[in-house]
Amino acid sequence: MFDESEDSRCEFFRKLKSRGLKKVCLCISDAHAGIQAAVKKELVGTSWQRCKVHFMLNILAKVPHKEKGRLAAHLKKTWLQPDRKSARRPADQLAQKDGNRFSEAIRCLEDGPEDSLQFFGFP
């Protein structure tokens, strides 16, 4: 059974390399520490990015259901920006507008936006 541990992820990457995987530029996954460590260890030189869908779900889990659509629409603007600097604006605006109402969600948002923006470093 496959699990989320660093060892199992390292084994998975080694199997892919044995089957011909040569170079990975960007690995996108959830934020489990095991996969992040395995990417560093087995895919040396690969950038890691937190999956924006998982990141959004982590944030939205901390707001009432009736607010999820509005916040999700605003969060999606982050990844539609033309560059990394602009991508910070939607998160900052959301924090200013809803920081007091949804402090736990905003704390989650503020803890991880850079992890979801690695794709801006690629053409």
PDB file of N, CA and C in Angstrom:
ATOM      1  N   MET A   1       0.841  -1.189   0.000  1.00  0.00           N
ATOM      2  CA  MET A   1       0.000   0.000   0.000  1.00  0.00           C
ATOM      3  C   MET A   1       0.879   1.242   0.000  1.00  0.00           C
ATOM      4  N   PHE A   2       0.590   2.164  -0.862  1.00  0.00           N
ATOM      5  CA  PHE A   2       1.328   3.411  -0.980  1.00  0.00           C
ATOM      6  C   PHE A   2       0.892   4.359   0.135  1.00  0.00           C
ATOM      7  N   ASP A   3       1.872   4.972   0.784  1.00  0.00           N
ATOM      8  CA  ASP A   3       1.523   5.940   1.819  1.00  0.00           C
ATOM      9  C   ASP A   3       2.193   7.277   1.520  1.00  0.00           C
ATOM     10  N   GLU A   4       2.016   8.221   2.396  1.00  0.00           N
ATOM     11  CA  GLU A   4       2.514   9.584   2.184  1.00  0.00           C
ATOM     12  C   GLU A   4       3.936   9.797   2.717  1.00  0.00           C
ATOM     13  N   SER A   5       4.592   8.774   3.177  1.00  0.00           N
ATOM     14  CA  SER A   5       5.898   8.937   3.814  1.00  0.00           C
ATOM     15  C   SER A   5       6.990   9.300   2.805  1.00  0.00           C
ATOM     16  N   GLU A   6       8.049   9.879   3.321  1.00  0.00           N
ATOM     17  CA  GLU A   6       9.197  10.219   2.491  1.00  0.00           C
ATOM     18  C   GLU A   6       9.770   8.962   1.837  1.00  0.00           C
ATOM     19  N   ASP A   7       9.881   7.885   2.606  1.00  0.00           N
ATOM     20  CA  ASP A   7      10.451   6.645   2.062  1.00  0.00           C
ATOM     21  C   ASP A   7       9.650   6.112   0.888  1.00  0.00           C
ATOM     22  N   SER A   8       8.330   6.097   1.009  1.00  0.00           N
ATOM     23  CA  SER A   8       7.518   5.562  -0.089  1.00  0.00           C
ATOM     24  C   SER A   8       7.583   6.472  -1.310  1.00  0.00           C
ATOM     25  N   ARG A   9       7.653   7.775  -1.084  1.00  0.00           N
ATOM     26  CA  ARG A   9       7.762   8.706  -2.210  1.00  0.00           C
ATOM     27  C   ARG A   9       9.133   8.594  -2.876  1.00  0.00           C
ATOM     28  N   CYS A  10      10.179   8.427  -2.082  1.00  0.00           N
ATOM     29  CA  CYS A  10      11.518   8.219  -2.653  1.00  0.00           C
ATOM     30  C   CYS A  10      11.540   6.959  -3.508  1.00  0.00           C
ATOM     31  N   GLU A  11      10.951   5.904  -2.991  1.00  0.00           N
ATOM     32  CA  GLU A  11      10.885   4.651  -3.747  1.00  0.00           C
ATOM     33  C   GLU A  11      10.137   4.854  -5.069  1.00  0.00           C
ATOM     34  N   PHE A  12       9.031   5.577  -5.018  1.00  0.00           N
ATOM     35  CA  PHE A  12       8.251   5.866  -6.222  1.00  0.00           C
ATOM     36  C   PHE A  12       9.100   6.620  -7.248  1.00  0.00           C
ATOM     37  N   PHE A  13       9.823   7.651  -6.814  1.00  0.00           N
ATOM     38  CA  PHE A  13      10.660   8.417  -7.733  1.00  0.00           C
ATOM     39  C   PHE A  13      11.792   7.571  -8.287  1.00  0.00           C
ATOM     40  N   ARG A  14      12.382   6.705  -7.461  1.00  0.00           N
ATOM     41  CA  ARG A  14      13.448   5.817  -7.951  1.00  0.00           C
ATOM     42  C   ARG A  14      12.912   4.882  -9.033  1.00  0.00           C
ATOM     43  N   LYS A  15      11.711   4.380  -8.851  1.00  0.00           N
ATOM     44  CA  LYS A  15      11.107   3.502  -9.868  1.00  0.00           C
ATOM     45  C   LYS A  15      10.891   4.267 -11.170  1.00  0.00           C
ATOM     46  N   LEU A  16      10.412   5.499 -11.065  1.00  0.00           N
ATOM     47  CA  LEU A  16      10.227   6.307 -12.275  1.00  0.00           C
ATOM     48  C   LEU A  16      11.560   6.539 -12.983  1.00  0.00           C
ATOM     49  N   LYS A  17      12.604   6.815 -12.217  1.00  0.00           N
ATOM     50  CA  LYS A  17      13.923   7.035 -12.818  1.00  0.00           C
ATOM     51  C   LYS A  17      14.442   5.754 -13.460  1.00  0.00           C
ATOM     52  N   SER A  18      14.189   4.608 -12.851  1.00  0.00           N
ATOM     53  CA  SER A  18      14.639   3.341 -13.427  1.00  0.00           C
ATOM     54  C   SER A  18      13.899   3.020 -14.728  1.00  0.00           C
ATOM     55  N   ARG A  19      12.730   3.626 -14.900  1.00  0.00           N
ATOM     56  CA  ARG A  19      11.946   3.430 -16.127  1.00  0.00           C
ATOM     57  C   ARG A  19      12.243   4.494 -17.171  1.00  0.00           C
ATOM     58  N   GLY A  20      13.213   5.399 -16.880  1.00  0.00           N
ATOM     59  CA  GLY A  20      13.643   6.337 -17.896  1.00  0.00           C
ATOM     60  C   GLY A  20      13.407   7.806 -17.591  1.00  0.00           C
ATOM     61  N   LEU A  21      12.811   8.117 -16.476  1.00  0.00           N
ATOM     62  CA  LEU A  21      12.616   9.527 -16.134  1.00  0.00           C
ATOM     63  C   LEU A  21      13.976  10.190 -16.004  1.00  0.00           C
ATOM     64  N   LYS A  22      14.184  11.266 -16.737  1.00  0.00           N
ATOM     65  CA  LYS A  22      15.491  11.916 -16.743  1.00  0.00           C
ATOM     66  C   LYS A  22      15.490  13.222 -15.964  1.00  0.00           C
ATOM     67  N   LYS A  23      14.612  14.134 -16.321  1.00  0.00           N
ATOM     68  CA  LYS A  23      14.637  15.452 -15.704  1.00  0.00           C
ATOM     69  C   LYS A  23      13.215  15.922 -15.433  1.00  0.00           C
ATOM     70  N   VAL A  24      13.036  16.439 -14.238  1.00  0.00           N
ATOM     71  CA  VAL A  24      11.759  17.026 -13.855  1.00  0.00           C
ATOM     72  C   VAL A  24      12.050  18.481 -13.494  1.00  0.00           C
ATOM     73  N   CYS A  25      11.364  19.386 -14.131  1.00  0.00           N
ATOM     74  CA  CYS A  25      11.575  20.812 -13.846  1.00  0.00           C
ATOM     75  C   CYS A  25      10.737  21.270 -12.665  1.00  0.00           C
ATOM     76  N   LEU A  26       9.474  20.819 -12.613  1.00  0.00           N
ATOM     77  CA  LEU A  26       8.549  21.279 -11.592  1.00  0.00           C
ATOM     78  C   LEU A  26       7.666  20.124 -11.149  1.00  0.00           C
ATOM     79  N   CYS A  27       7.675  19.868  -9.866  1.00  0.00           N
ATOM     80  CA  CYS A  27       6.820  18.829  -9.282  1.00  0.00           C
ATOM     81  C   CYS A  27       5.729  19.536  -8.483  1.00  0.00           C
ATOM     82  N   ILE A  28       4.477  19.264  -8.821  1.00  0.00           N
ATOM     83  CA  ILE A  28       3.340  19.891  -8.151  1.00  0.00           C
ATOM     84  C   ILE A  28       2.609  18.818  -7.359  1.00  0.00           C
ATOM     85  N   SER A  29       2.380  19.105  -6.065  1.00  0.00           N
ATOM     86  CA  SER A  29       1.714  18.128  -5.204  1.00  0.00           C
ATOM     87  C   SER A  29       1.038  18.832  -4.042  1.00  0.00           C
ATOM     88  N   ASP A  30       0.399  18.035  -3.214  1.00  0.00           N
ATOM     89  CA  ASP A  30      -0.108  18.579  -1.962  1.00  0.00           C
ATOM     90  C   ASP A  30       1.103  18.916  -1.086  1.00  0.00           C
ATOM     91  N   ALA A  31       0.845  19.451   0.082  1.00  0.00           N
ATOM     92  CA  ALA A  31       1.947  19.971   0.903  1.00  0.00           C
ATOM     93  C   ALA A  31       2.481  18.979   1.927  1.00  0.00           C
ATOM     94  N   HIS A  32       2.299  17.681   1.707  1.00  0.00           N
ATOM     95  CA  HIS A  32       2.832  16.700   2.646  1.00  0.00           C
ATOM     96  C   HIS A  32       4.350  16.790   2.694  1.00  0.00           C
ATOM     97  N   ALA A  33       4.872  16.782   3.893  1.00  0.00           N
ATOM     98  CA  ALA A  33       6.319  16.902   4.086  1.00  0.00           C
ATOM     99  C   ALA A  33       7.075  15.757   3.416  1.00  0.00           C
ATOM    100  N   GLY A  34       6.480  14.568   3.375  1.00  0.00           N
ATOM    101  CA  GLY A  34       7.143  13.409   2.780  1.00  0.00           C
ATOM    102  C   GLY A  34       7.469  13.602   1.312  1.00  0.00           C
ATOM    103  N   ILE A  35       6.537  14.120   0.558  1.00  0.00           N
ATOM    104  CA  ILE A  35       6.805  14.311  -0.874  1.00  0.00           C
ATOM    105  C   ILE A  35       7.785  15.452  -1.097  1.00  0.00           C
ATOM    106  N   GLN A  36       7.702  16.498  -0.285  1.00  0.00           N
ATOM    107  CA  GLN A  36       8.652  17.606  -0.431  1.00  0.00           C
ATOM    108  C   GLN A  36      10.081  17.125  -0.175  1.00  0.00           C
ATOM    109  N   ALA A  37      10.261  16.325   0.856  1.00  0.00           N
ATOM    110  CA  ALA A  37      11.590  15.794   1.172  1.00  0.00           C
ATOM    111  C   ALA A  37      12.071  14.843   0.079  1.00  0.00           C
ATOM    112  N   ALA A  38      11.171  14.028  -0.449  1.00  0.00           N
ATOM    113  CA  ALA A  38      11.544  13.079  -1.496  1.00  0.00           C
ATOM    114  C   ALA A  38      11.937  13.791  -2.783  1.00  0.00           C
ATOM    115  N   VAL A  39      11.259  14.877  -3.102  1.00  0.00           N
ATOM    116  CA  VAL A  39      11.626  15.652  -4.295  1.00  0.00           C
ATOM    117  C   VAL A  39      13.042  16.185  -4.136  1.00  0.00           C
ATOM    118  N   LYS A  40      13.353  16.733  -2.966  1.00  0.00           N
ATOM    119  CA  LYS A  40      14.704  17.268  -2.725  1.00  0.00           C
ATOM    120  C   LYS A  40      15.761  16.179  -2.817  1.00  0.00           C
ATOM    121  N   LYS A  41      15.421  15.008  -2.319  1.00  0.00           N
ATOM    122  CA  LYS A  41      16.393  13.916  -2.251  1.00  0.00           C
ATOM    123  C   LYS A  41      16.555  13.185  -3.582  1.00  0.00           C
ATOM    124  N   GLU A  42      15.466  12.876  -4.239  1.00  0.00           N
ATOM    125  CA  GLU A  42      15.517  12.031  -5.437  1.00  0.00           C
ATOM    126  C   GLU A  42      15.452  12.795  -6.757  1.00  0.00           C
ATOM    127  N   LEU A  43      14.889  13.993  -6.744  1.00  0.00           N
ATOM    128  CA  LEU A  43      14.762  14.777  -7.970  1.00  0.00           C
ATOM    129  C   LEU A  43      15.555  16.074  -7.802  1.00  0.00           C
ATOM    130  N   VAL A  44      16.828  15.917  -7.570  1.00  0.00           N
ATOM    131  CA  VAL A  44      17.714  17.042  -7.283  1.00  0.00           C
ATOM    132  C   VAL A  44      17.612  18.090  -8.401  1.00  0.00           C
ATOM    133  N   GLY A  45      17.443  19.344  -7.990  1.00  0.00           N
ATOM    134  CA  GLY A  45      17.329  20.436  -8.946  1.00  0.00           C
ATOM    135  C   GLY A  45      15.911  20.717  -9.396  1.00  0.00           C
ATOM    136  N   THR A  46      14.962  19.931  -8.935  1.00  0.00           N
ATOM    137  CA  THR A  46      13.561  20.111  -9.297  1.00  0.00           C
ATOM    138  C   THR A  46      12.909  21.116  -8.361  1.00  0.00           C
ATOM    139  N   SER A  47      12.128  22.016  -8.927  1.00  0.00           N
ATOM    140  CA  SER A  47      11.337  22.941  -8.110  1.00  0.00           C
ATOM    141  C   SER A  47      10.070  22.228  -7.662  1.00  0.00           C
ATOM    142  N   TRP A  48       9.648  22.533  -6.449  1.00  0.00           N
ATOM    143  CA  TRP A  48       8.405  21.964  -5.919  1.00  0.00           C
ATOM    144  C   TRP A  48       7.376  23.075  -5.786  1.00  0.00           C
ATOM    145  N   GLN A  49       6.147  22.768  -6.152  1.00  0.00           N
ATOM    146  CA  GLN A  49       5.043  23.713  -6.013  1.00  0.00           C
ATOM    147  C   GLN A  49       3.868  23.045  -5.334  1.00  0.00           C
ATOM    148  N   ARG A  50       3.279  23.763  -4.415  1.00  0.00           N
ATOM    149  CA  ARG A  50       2.059  23.295  -3.759  1.00  0.00           C
ATOM    150  C   ARG A  50       0.903  23.403  -4.737  1.00  0.00           C
ATOM    151  N   CYS A  51       0.129  22.364  -4.844  1.00  0.00           N
ATOM    152  CA  CYS A  51      -1.027  22.342  -5.728  1.00  0.00           C
ATOM    153  C   CYS A  51      -2.014  23.429  -5.309  1.00  0.00           C
ATOM    154  N   LYS A  52      -2.398  24.267  -6.261  1.00  0.00           N
ATOM    155  CA  LYS A  52      -3.293  25.371  -5.929  1.00  0.00           C
ATOM    156  C   LYS A  52      -4.676  24.871  -5.503  1.00  0.00           C
ATOM    157  N   VAL A  53      -5.116  23.761  -6.042  1.00  0.00           N
ATOM    158  CA  VAL A  53      -6.419  23.223  -5.650  1.00  0.00           C
ATOM    159  C   VAL A  53      -6.389  22.751  -4.198  1.00  0.00           C
ATOM    160  N   HIS A  54      -5.355  22.002  -3.838  1.00  0.00           N
ATOM    161  CA  HIS A  54      -5.230  21.566  -2.442  1.00  0.00           C
ATOM    162  C   HIS A  54      -5.102  22.767  -1.506  1.00  0.00           C
ATOM    163  N   PHE A  55      -4.324  23.755  -1.932  1.00  0.00           N
ATOM    164  CA  PHE A  55      -4.127  24.950  -1.126  1.00  0.00           C
ATOM    165  C   PHE A  55      -5.461  25.671  -0.907  1.00  0.00           C
ATOM    166  N   MET A  56      -6.217  25.841  -1.988  1.00  0.00           N
ATOM    167  CA  MET A  56      -7.533  26.482  -1.860  1.00  0.00           C
ATOM    168  C   MET A  56      -8.451  25.685  -0.941  1.00  0.00           C
ATOM    169  N   LEU A  57      -8.460  24.377  -1.079  1.00  0.00           N
ATOM    170  CA  LEU A  57      -9.316  23.543  -0.226  1.00  0.00           C
ATOM    171  C   LEU A  57      -8.930  23.666   1.243  1.00  0.00           C
ATOM    172  N   ASN A  58      -7.636  23.758   1.513  1.00  0.00           N
ATOM    173  CA  ASN A  58      -7.175  23.952   2.896  1.00  0.00           C
ATOM    174  C   ASN A  58      -7.698  25.268   3.460  1.00  0.00           C
ATOM    175  N   ILE A  59      -7.673  26.304   2.658  1.00  0.00           N
ATOM    176  CA  ILE A  59      -8.153  27.616   3.085  1.00  0.00           C
ATOM    177  C   ILE A  59      -9.669  27.599   3.250  1.00  0.00           C
ATOM    178  N   LEU A  60     -10.362  27.106   2.242  1.00  0.00           N
ATOM    179  CA  LEU A  60     -11.827  27.135   2.238  1.00  0.00           C
ATOM    180  C   LEU A  60     -12.441  26.237   3.309  1.00  0.00           C
ATOM    181  N   ALA A  61     -11.686  25.280   3.794  1.00  0.00           N
ATOM    182  CA  ALA A  61     -12.180  24.414   4.871  1.00  0.00           C
ATOM    183  C   ALA A  61     -12.389  25.204   6.159  1.00  0.00           C
ATOM    184  N   LYS A  62     -11.852  26.404   6.206  1.00  0.00           N
ATOM    185  CA  LYS A  62     -11.901  27.208   7.426  1.00  0.00           C
ATOM    186  C   LYS A  62     -12.905  28.365   7.333  1.00  0.00           C
ATOM    187  N   VAL A  63     -13.773  28.327   6.315  1.00  0.00           N
ATOM    188  CA  VAL A  63     -14.799  29.369   6.178  1.00  0.00           C
ATOM    189  C   VAL A  63     -16.175  28.725   6.067  1.00  0.00           C
ATOM    190  N   PRO A  64     -17.225  29.467   6.423  1.00  0.00           N
ATOM    191  CA  PRO A  64     -18.580  28.913   6.297  1.00  0.00           C
ATOM    192  C   PRO A  64     -18.923  28.589   4.840  1.00  0.00           C
ATOM    193  N   HIS A  65     -19.754  27.596   4.660  1.00  0.00           N
ATOM    194  CA  HIS A  65     -20.124  27.126   3.323  1.00  0.00           C
ATOM    195  C   HIS A  65     -20.640  28.260   2.441  1.00  0.00           C
ATOM    196  N   LYS A  66     -21.455  29.138   2.982  1.00  0.00           N
ATOM    197  CA  LYS A  66     -22.055  30.207   2.176  1.00  0.00           C
ATOM    198  C   LYS A  66     -21.023  31.209   1.657  1.00  0.00           C
ATOM    199  N   GLU A  67     -19.825  31.226   2.211  1.00  0.00           N
ATOM    200  CA  GLU A  67     -18.769  32.149   1.779  1.00  0.00           C
ATOM    201  C   GLU A  67     -17.754  31.502   0.846  1.00  0.00           C
ATOM    202  N   LYS A  68     -17.797  30.192   0.706  1.00  0.00           N
ATOM    203  CA  LYS A  68     -16.777  29.478  -0.067  1.00  0.00           C
ATOM    204  C   LYS A  68     -16.697  29.938  -1.524  1.00  0.00           C
ATOM    205  N   GLY A  69     -17.833  30.123  -2.171  1.00  0.00           N
ATOM    206  CA  GLY A  69     -17.833  30.527  -3.582  1.00  0.00           C
ATOM    207  C   GLY A  69     -17.182  31.874  -3.803  1.00  0.00           C
ATOM    208  N   ARG A  70     -17.526  32.826  -2.966  1.00  0.00           N
ATOM    209  CA  ARG A  70     -16.965  34.172  -3.096  1.00  0.00           C
ATOM    210  C   ARG A  70     -15.452  34.151  -2.863  1.00  0.00           C
ATOM    211  N   LEU A  71     -15.033  33.488  -1.794  1.00  0.00           N
ATOM    212  CA  LEU A  71     -13.605  33.432  -1.499  1.00  0.00           C
ATOM    213  C   LEU A  71     -12.837  32.647  -2.559  1.00  0.00           C
ATOM    214  N   ALA A  72     -13.415  31.548  -3.041  1.00  0.00           N
ATOM    215  CA  ALA A  72     -12.754  30.750  -4.080  1.00  0.00           C
ATOM    216  C   ALA A  72     -12.551  31.580  -5.346  1.00  0.00           C
ATOM    217  N   ALA A  73     -13.570  32.333  -5.738  1.00  0.00           N
ATOM    218  CA  ALA A  73     -13.453  33.166  -6.935  1.00  0.00           C
ATOM    219  C   ALA A  73     -12.337  34.195  -6.763  1.00  0.00           C
ATOM    220  N   HIS A  74     -12.236  34.749  -5.591  1.00  0.00           N
ATOM    221  CA  HIS A  74     -11.184  35.742  -5.344  1.00  0.00           C
ATOM    222  C   HIS A  74      -9.800  35.079  -5.304  1.00  0.00           C
ATOM    223  N   LEU A  75      -9.705  33.930  -4.666  1.00  0.00           N
ATOM    224  CA  LEU A  75      -8.420  33.218  -4.591  1.00  0.00           C
ATOM    225  C   LEU A  75      -7.919  32.817  -5.976  1.00  0.00           C
ATOM    226  N   LYS A  76      -8.828  32.415  -6.853  1.00  0.00           N
ATOM    227  CA  LYS A  76      -8.429  31.980  -8.199  1.00  0.00           C
ATOM    228  C   LYS A  76      -7.723  33.087  -8.962  1.00  0.00           C
ATOM    229  N   LYS A  77      -8.001  34.337  -8.630  1.00  0.00           N
ATOM    230  CA  LYS A  77      -7.336  35.461  -9.292  1.00  0.00           C
ATOM    231  C   LYS A  77      -5.824  35.414  -9.073  1.00  0.00           C
ATOM    232  N   THR A  78      -5.412  34.826  -7.967  1.00  0.00           N
ATOM    233  CA  THR A  78      -3.991  34.723  -7.647  1.00  0.00           C
ATOM    234  C   THR A  78      -3.217  34.080  -8.788  1.00  0.00           C
ATOM    235  N   TRP A  79      -3.712  32.973  -9.297  1.00  0.00           N
ATOM    236  CA  TRP A  79      -2.977  32.186 -10.284  1.00  0.00           C
ATOM    237  C   TRP A  79      -3.235  32.638 -11.716  1.00  0.00           C
ATOM    238  N   LEU A  80      -4.069  33.651 -11.888  1.00  0.00           N
ATOM    239  CA  LEU A  80      -4.336  34.189 -13.220  1.00  0.00           C
ATOM    240  C   LEU A  80      -3.557  35.476 -13.500  1.00  0.00           C
ATOM    241  N   GLN A  81      -2.765  35.894 -12.559  1.00  0.00           N
ATOM    242  CA  GLN A  81      -1.996  37.128 -12.702  1.00  0.00           C
ATOM    243  C   GLN A  81      -0.836  36.931 -13.681  1.00  0.00           C
ATOM    244  N   PRO A  82      -0.339  38.026 -14.254  1.00  0.00           N
ATOM    245  CA  PRO A  82       0.736  37.903 -15.239  1.00  0.00           C
ATOM    246  C   PRO A  82       2.122  37.630 -14.648  1.00  0.00           C
ATOM    247  N   ASP A  83       2.290  37.885 -13.336  1.00  0.00           N
ATOM    248  CA  ASP A  83       3.602  37.669 -12.734  1.00  0.00           C
ATOM    249  C   ASP A  83       3.460  37.432 -11.228  1.00  0.00           C
ATOM    250  N   ARG A  84       4.562  37.002 -10.624  1.00  0.00           N
ATOM    251  CA  ARG A  84       4.579  36.642  -9.201  1.00  0.00           C
ATOM    252  C   ARG A  84       4.199  37.825  -8.309  1.00  0.00           C
ATOM    253  N   LYS A  85       4.729  38.990  -8.628  1.00  0.00           N
ATOM    254  CA  LYS A  85       4.448  40.169  -7.803  1.00  0.00           C
ATOM    255  C   LYS A  85       2.949  40.485  -7.794  1.00  0.00           C
ATOM    256  N   SER A  86       2.330  40.456  -8.949  1.00  0.00           N
ATOM    257  CA  SER A  86       0.893  40.722  -9.055  1.00  0.00           C
ATOM    258  C   SER A  86       0.068  39.637  -8.373  1.00  0.00           C
ATOM    259  N   ALA A  87       0.583  38.438  -8.339  1.00  0.00           N
ATOM    260  CA  ALA A  87      -0.150  37.313  -7.751  1.00  0.00           C
ATOM    261  C   ALA A  87      -0.364  37.490  -6.255  1.00  0.00           C
ATOM    262  N   ARG A  88       0.451  38.276  -5.609  1.00  0.00           N
ATOM    263  CA  ARG A  88       0.296  38.529  -4.168  1.00  0.00           C
ATOM    264  C   ARG A  88      -0.902  39.433  -3.866  1.00  0.00           C
ATOM    265  N   ARG A  89      -1.283  40.270  -4.820  1.00  0.00           N
ATOM    266  CA  ARG A  89      -2.353  41.250  -4.590  1.00  0.00           C
ATOM    267  C   ARG A  89      -3.683  40.645  -4.165  1.00  0.00           C
ATOM    268  N   PRO A  90      -4.209  39.643  -4.877  1.00  0.00           N
ATOM    269  CA  PRO A  90      -5.498  39.094  -4.452  1.00  0.00           C
ATOM    270  C   PRO A  90      -5.480  38.557  -3.012  1.00  0.00           C
ATOM    271  N   ALA A  91      -4.394  37.922  -2.624  1.00  0.00           N
ATOM    272  CA  ALA A  91      -4.286  37.411  -1.247  1.00  0.00           C
ATOM    273  C   ALA A  91      -4.251  38.558  -0.248  1.00  0.00           C
ATOM    274  N   ASP A  92      -3.498  39.593  -0.567  1.00  0.00           N
ATOM    275  CA  ASP A  92      -3.418  40.757   0.326  1.00  0.00           C
ATOM    276  C   ASP A  92      -4.772  41.448   0.455  1.00  0.00           C
ATOM    277  N   GLN A  93      -5.477  41.570  -0.668  1.00  0.00           N
ATOM    278  CA  GLN A  93      -6.807  42.190  -0.638  1.00  0.00           C
ATOM    279  C   GLN A  93      -7.778  41.374   0.207  1.00  0.00           C
ATOM    280  N   LEU A  94      -7.713  40.063   0.040  1.00  0.00           N
ATOM    281  CA  LEU A  94      -8.592  39.186   0.819  1.00  0.00           C
ATOM    282  C   LEU A  94      -8.280  39.283   2.306  1.00  0.00           C
ATOM    283  N   ALA A  95      -7.016  39.340   2.637  1.00  0.00           N
ATOM    284  CA  ALA A  95      -6.617  39.461   4.043  1.00  0.00           C
ATOM    285  C   ALA A  95      -7.128  40.765   4.639  1.00  0.00           C
ATOM    286  N   GLN A  96      -7.048  41.856   3.878  1.00  0.00           N
ATOM    287  CA  GLN A  96      -7.539  43.144   4.376  1.00  0.00           C
ATOM    288  C   GLN A  96      -9.049  43.133   4.550  1.00  0.00           C
ATOM    289  N   LYS A  97      -9.736  42.566   3.565  1.00  0.00           N
ATOM    290  CA  LYS A  97     -11.202  42.599   3.587  1.00  0.00           C
ATOM    291  C   LYS A  97     -11.799  41.633   4.602  1.00  0.00           C
ATOM    292  N   ASP A  98     -11.264  40.427   4.670  1.00  0.00           N
ATOM    293  CA  ASP A  98     -11.892  39.365   5.468  1.00  0.00           C
ATOM    294  C   ASP A  98     -11.027  38.841   6.606  1.00  0.00           C
ATOM    295  N   GLY A  99      -9.912  39.495   6.872  1.00  0.00           N
ATOM    296  CA  GLY A  99      -9.002  39.022   7.908  1.00  0.00           C
ATOM    297  C   GLY A  99      -9.639  38.866   9.269  1.00  0.00           C
ATOM    298  N   ASN A 100     -10.481  39.787   9.648  1.00  0.00           N
ATOM    299  CA  ASN A 100     -11.132  39.708  10.961  1.00  0.00           C
ATOM    300  C   ASN A 100     -12.224  38.646  11.007  1.00  0.00           C
ATOM    301  N   ARG A 101     -12.956  38.501   9.917  1.00  0.00           N
ATOM    302  CA  ARG A 101     -14.051  37.520   9.871  1.00  0.00           C
ATOM    303  C   ARG A 101     -13.540  36.088   9.801  1.00  0.00           C
ATOM    304  N   PHE A 102     -12.494  35.870   9.006  1.00  0.00           N
ATOM    305  CA  PHE A 102     -12.008  34.514   8.757  1.00  0.00           C
ATOM    306  C   PHE A 102     -10.519  34.417   9.072  1.00  0.00           C
ATOM    307  N   SER A 103     -10.180  34.727  10.295  1.00  0.00           N
ATOM    308  CA  SER A 103      -8.762  34.810  10.669  1.00  0.00           C
ATOM    309  C   SER A 103      -8.018  33.496  10.455  1.00  0.00           C
ATOM    310  N   GLU A 104      -8.665  32.376  10.728  1.00  0.00           N
ATOM    311  CA  GLU A 104      -8.003  31.074  10.549  1.00  0.00           C
ATOM    312  C   GLU A 104      -7.713  30.804   9.068  1.00  0.00           C
ATOM    313  N   ALA A 105      -8.662  31.120   8.214  1.00  0.00           N
ATOM    314  CA  ALA A 105      -8.468  30.931   6.767  1.00  0.00           C
ATOM    315  C   ALA A 105      -7.381  31.864   6.244  1.00  0.00           C
ATOM    316  N   ILE A 106      -7.389  33.096   6.702  1.00  0.00           N
ATOM    317  CA  ILE A 106      -6.391  34.068   6.247  1.00  0.00           C
ATOM    318  C   ILE A 106      -5.004  33.669   6.744  1.00  0.00           C
ATOM    319  N   ARG A 107      -4.919  33.134   7.939  1.00  0.00           N
ATOM    320  CA  ARG A 107      -3.632  32.648   8.457  1.00  0.00           C
ATOM    321  C   ARG A 107      -3.107  31.522   7.565  1.00  0.00           C
ATOM    322  N   CYS A 108      -3.985  30.621   7.160  1.00  0.00           N
ATOM    323  CA  CYS A 108      -3.613  29.523   6.250  1.00  0.00           C
ATOM    324  C   CYS A 108      -3.142  30.098   4.910  1.00  0.00           C
ATOM    325  N   LEU A 109      -3.858  31.077   4.406  1.00  0.00           N
ATOM    326  CA  LEU A 109      -3.495  31.730   3.150  1.00  0.00           C
ATOM    327  C   LEU A 109      -2.126  32.391   3.256  1.00  0.00           C
ATOM    328  N   GLU A 110      -1.898  33.095   4.324  1.00  0.00           N
ATOM    329  CA  GLU A 110      -0.635  33.811   4.492  1.00  0.00           C
ATOM    330  C   GLU A 110       0.552  32.888   4.729  1.00  0.00           C
ATOM    331  N   ASP A 111       0.291  31.671   5.208  1.00  0.00           N
ATOM    332  CA  ASP A 111       1.374  30.717   5.467  1.00  0.00           C
ATOM    333  C   ASP A 111       1.907  30.055   4.203  1.00  0.00           C
ATOM    334  N   GLY A 112       1.179  30.119   3.089  1.00  0.00           N
ATOM    335  CA  GLY A 112       1.635  29.316   1.967  1.00  0.00           C
ATOM    336  C   GLY A 112       1.511  29.843   0.565  1.00  0.00           C
ATOM    337  N   PRO A 113       1.283  31.123   0.326  1.00  0.00           N
ATOM    338  CA  PRO A 113       1.072  31.514  -1.073  1.00  0.00           C
ATOM    339  C   PRO A 113       2.295  31.313  -1.963  1.00  0.00           C
ATOM    340  N   GLU A 114       3.483  31.565  -1.448  1.00  0.00           N
ATOM    341  CA  GLU A 114       4.685  31.424  -2.280  1.00  0.00           C
ATOM    342  C   GLU A 114       4.869  29.991  -2.768  1.00  0.00           C
ATOM    343  N   ASP A 115       4.460  29.032  -1.957  1.00  0.00           N
ATOM    344  CA  ASP A 115       4.584  27.621  -2.352  1.00  0.00           C
ATOM    345  C   ASP A 115       3.746  27.293  -3.580  1.00  0.00           C
ATOM    346  N   SER A 116       2.703  28.083  -3.836  1.00  0.00           N
ATOM    347  CA  SER A 116       1.827  27.796  -4.974  1.00  0.00           C
ATOM    348  C   SER A 116       2.149  28.647  -6.199  1.00  0.00           C
ATOM    349  N   LEU A 117       3.232  29.398  -6.143  1.00  0.00           N
ATOM    350  CA  LEU A 117       3.555  30.328  -7.230  1.00  0.00           C
ATOM    351  C   LEU A 117       4.840  29.983  -7.973  1.00  0.00           C
ATOM    352  N   GLN A 118       5.365  28.804  -7.772  1.00  0.00           N
ATOM    353  CA  GLN A 118       6.637  28.441  -8.404  1.00  0.00           C
ATOM    354  C   GLN A 118       6.565  28.445  -9.939  1.00  0.00           C
ATOM    355  N   PHE A 119       5.390  28.216 -10.478  1.00  0.00           N
ATOM    356  CA  PHE A 119       5.260  28.160 -11.929  1.00  0.00           C
ATOM    357  C   PHE A 119       5.652  29.475 -12.600  1.00  0.00           C
ATOM    358  N   PHE A 120       5.629  30.580 -11.849  1.00  0.00           N
ATOM    359  CA  PHE A 120       6.032  31.863 -12.425  1.00  0.00           C
ATOM    360  C   PHE A 120       7.518  31.881 -12.793  1.00  0.00           C
ATOM    361  N   GLY A 121       8.276  30.951 -12.289  1.00  0.00           N
ATOM    362  CA  GLY A 121       9.703  30.876 -12.597  1.00  0.00           C
ATOM    363  C   GLY A 121       9.997  30.136 -13.891  1.00  0.00           C
ATOM    364  N   PHE A 122       8.948  29.749 -14.616  1.00  0.00           N
ATOM    365  CA  PHE A 122       9.116  28.967 -15.844  1.00  0.00           C
ATOM    366  C   PHE A 122       8.470  29.699 -17.009  1.00  0.00           C
ATOM    367  N   PRO A 123       9.003  29.485 -18.215  1.00  0.00           N
ATOM    368  CA  PRO A 123       8.404  30.145 -19.404  1.00  0.00           C
ATOM    369  C   PRO A 123       6.995  29.622 -19.690  1.00  0.00           C
TER     370      PRO A 123
END
